[in-house]
Amino acid sequence: MSKFALIVVLFVLLIIVGCSCVGLGGSGEYGGGY
């Protein structure tokens, strides 16, 4: 796996986790709920 592909995967994962945190009633700009 190339370094670029790895960065893209990590970036998408970060967005998914961030959205789910906000969706679960997270507080602040980074969410906070798991």
C-alpha atoms as a PDB file:
ATOM      1  CA  MET A   1       0.000   0.000   0.000  1.00  0.00           C
ATOM      2  CA  SER A   2       1.399   3.387  -0.950  1.00  0.00           C
ATOM      3  CA  LYS A   3       1.875   6.195   1.564  1.00  0.00           C
ATOM      4  CA  PHE A   4      -0.694   8.344  -0.272  1.00  0.00           C
ATOM      5  CA  ALA A   5      -3.363   5.639  -0.042  1.00  0.00           C
ATOM      6  CA  LEU A   6      -2.634   5.207   3.662  1.00  0.00           C
ATOM      7  CA  ILE A   7      -3.060   8.951   4.276  1.00  0.00           C
ATOM      8  CA  VAL A   8      -6.375   8.963   2.394  1.00  0.00           C
ATOM      9  CA  VAL A   9      -7.680   6.001   4.411  1.00  0.00           C
ATOM     10  CA  LEU A  10      -6.675   7.627   7.710  1.00  0.00           C
ATOM     11  CA  PHE A  11      -8.281  10.923   6.653  1.00  0.00           C
ATOM     12  CA  VAL A  12     -11.581   9.244   5.769  1.00  0.00           C
ATOM     13  CA  LEU A  13     -11.499   7.281   9.030  1.00  0.00           C
ATOM     14  CA  LEU A  14     -10.944  10.526  10.950  1.00  0.00           C
ATOM     15  CA  ILE A  15     -13.980  12.119   9.264  1.00  0.00           C
ATOM     16  CA  ILE A  16     -16.179   9.087  10.012  1.00  0.00           C
ATOM     17  CA  VAL A  17     -15.119   9.009  13.670  1.00  0.00           C
ATOM     18  CA  GLY A  18     -15.570  12.779  13.995  1.00  0.00           C
ATOM     19  CA  CYS A  19     -19.061  12.686  12.481  1.00  0.00           C
ATOM     20  CA  SER A  20     -20.110   9.774  14.693  1.00  0.00           C
ATOM     21  CA  CYS A  21     -18.843  11.622  17.782  1.00  0.00           C
ATOM     22  CA  VAL A  22     -20.879  14.699  16.868  1.00  0.00           C
ATOM     23  CA  GLY A  23     -23.861  12.472  16.049  1.00  0.00           C
ATOM     24  CA  LEU A  24     -23.693  10.918  19.499  1.00  0.00           C
ATOM     25  CA  GLY A  25     -24.117  14.271  21.222  1.00  0.00           C
ATOM     26  CA  GLY A  26     -20.492  15.310  21.482  1.00  0.00           C
ATOM     27  CA  SER A  27     -19.722  18.714  22.946  1.00  0.00           C
ATOM     28  CA  GLY A  28     -17.258  21.194  21.485  1.00  0.00           C
ATOM     29  CA  GLU A  29     -16.005  21.346  17.920  1.00  0.00           C
ATOM     30  CA  TYR A  30     -14.440  17.866  18.061  1.00  0.00           C
ATOM     31  CA  GLY A  31     -17.442  16.026  19.455  1.00  0.00           C
ATOM     32  CA  GLY A  32     -16.494  13.989  22.513  1.00  0.00           C
ATOM     33  CA  GLY A  33     -19.134  11.253  22.683  1.00  0.00           C
ATOM     34  CA  TYR A  34     -18.224   7.684  21.777  1.00  0.00           C
END
